[in-house]
Every structure is written in C-alpha cells, then in structure tokens.
Amino acid sequence: MKKLTFDFYSRPDVLQIAKELLGKILVSAIDGKVCTGRIVETEGYIGITDKASHSFGGKRTARNEHMYGVAGISYVYICYGMHHLFNVVTNDENIPDAVLIRAVEPIAGIEQMLARTGKKTVDFTLTKGPGNVAKAFGITKGHSGVNLLKNEIYLADDGFVISENEIGSSKRIGCESAGADGLLPYRFYVRGNKYVSGRPVK
C-alpha cells in the first residue's frame, strides 16, 4: 500500500481527483488506533467559481482558511453544529479546490469505529455519509490542516482498481441553496456499494 503523493493532490482538475479517490484507502492513526477503509463516495468542489463551495467568490475566513493551503492537507469543518466533515485540499496553494469524502467501506479497526460511534454491531450506517466517516475515523475540526503526506491521517493506493462503468455520478447532496451549481454532477460513487449515502441517480 502506497501513500498518495503531493503530485496526486496538486493537479488542477478536482473532479478527476474526486473520481480517482474512489477505491483509495483512508487511514487514520489517531490516539494510537489505526482504522482503514475504502473510499466509495466523494464530492468535488471547484473553489472560487462554485456556488456550493465555502470559498465561492474568493471568500476567505477563519473557517475555510485551510482550503487555500497547499495541496494534500485536510480541511475539516462542522456541519449543523455537530457533524465533522473531512475534505482533501487539491490544486495549487491559494486555489481553494477540495474533495469531500462522503462514504467509506470499513476494512480494519472496526472495533474502534464502533466504540467511537457508539454502535453495537457493524452495518452499512457505520461509515455511510461524511459525518459518520469522520466520527468513525476519529477525525475532528482539530484535524483541519493536517498534512496528508504524514502519518496521522492519509490516503493510500493498494492497487485496487474501479472501472469506469462502476462509477456513478449525480448532483451533490445538500447543495440546494447553490442554485444551478447545486445540480452539477460533481458527486461520484461506486455503483451498488451499500455504504454509499443518499440515493444514486444514475
């Protein structure tokens, strides 16, 4: 298993990166507990020109500052005052593109994931949806800005390949307020995977 490199994250096409992250491995080594899972759903956000993005129009605040950082760092924010959502920053520094990790299929560290989420048994809800992913993997707002080239949180390639016809796309979830931009097909998922959140459209 090889950790994804800076060159993977620093490319200009955030949608291509969002698609290519499907099948990659999310690894967290937080509090001495290692958890891993295969990414099965993502959403791309094209920084300044995307009305669904926190950085639309060049908006820059304490909340979204890490979006403007170098490629390969994390951007974690709190949604609805309770859900921590984990994003991967891409493109060049000061171009605030990012990919939201929406769903993961657990591989290892499942007992720790159950403990963090308070669940008794494993089912598809464990890491279905971005809030559940972050909770299961121990990722919080305090991990925003973490270097994903290091060892606390990172993404890796274990050689697993997802073919093009296994990848579905749809509008992003929860972006209705972005108008036409909220309808853009920037959500990517592995067809038929039970951990995928929302309702696949095509």
Foldseek 3Di string as FASTA:
>chain_A
DFFDDLVLFADDDQLVSQQVQQQWKKWACPPNFIWIWGQFKKFKDFAQCFLLDPCHVNDDDPQQPLLQARFQAWRWHDDPNHFIWIWGHGHGHHRRIIMTRFFTGTDPRVVQLCVQVVHDDDDLQCGATRRSVCSSRVHHNVRGGPRQVDHRITIGHPPDDDDPVQKAWFFDPPRVVRPPSSGDGRMIGGPPDSNYDDDGDD
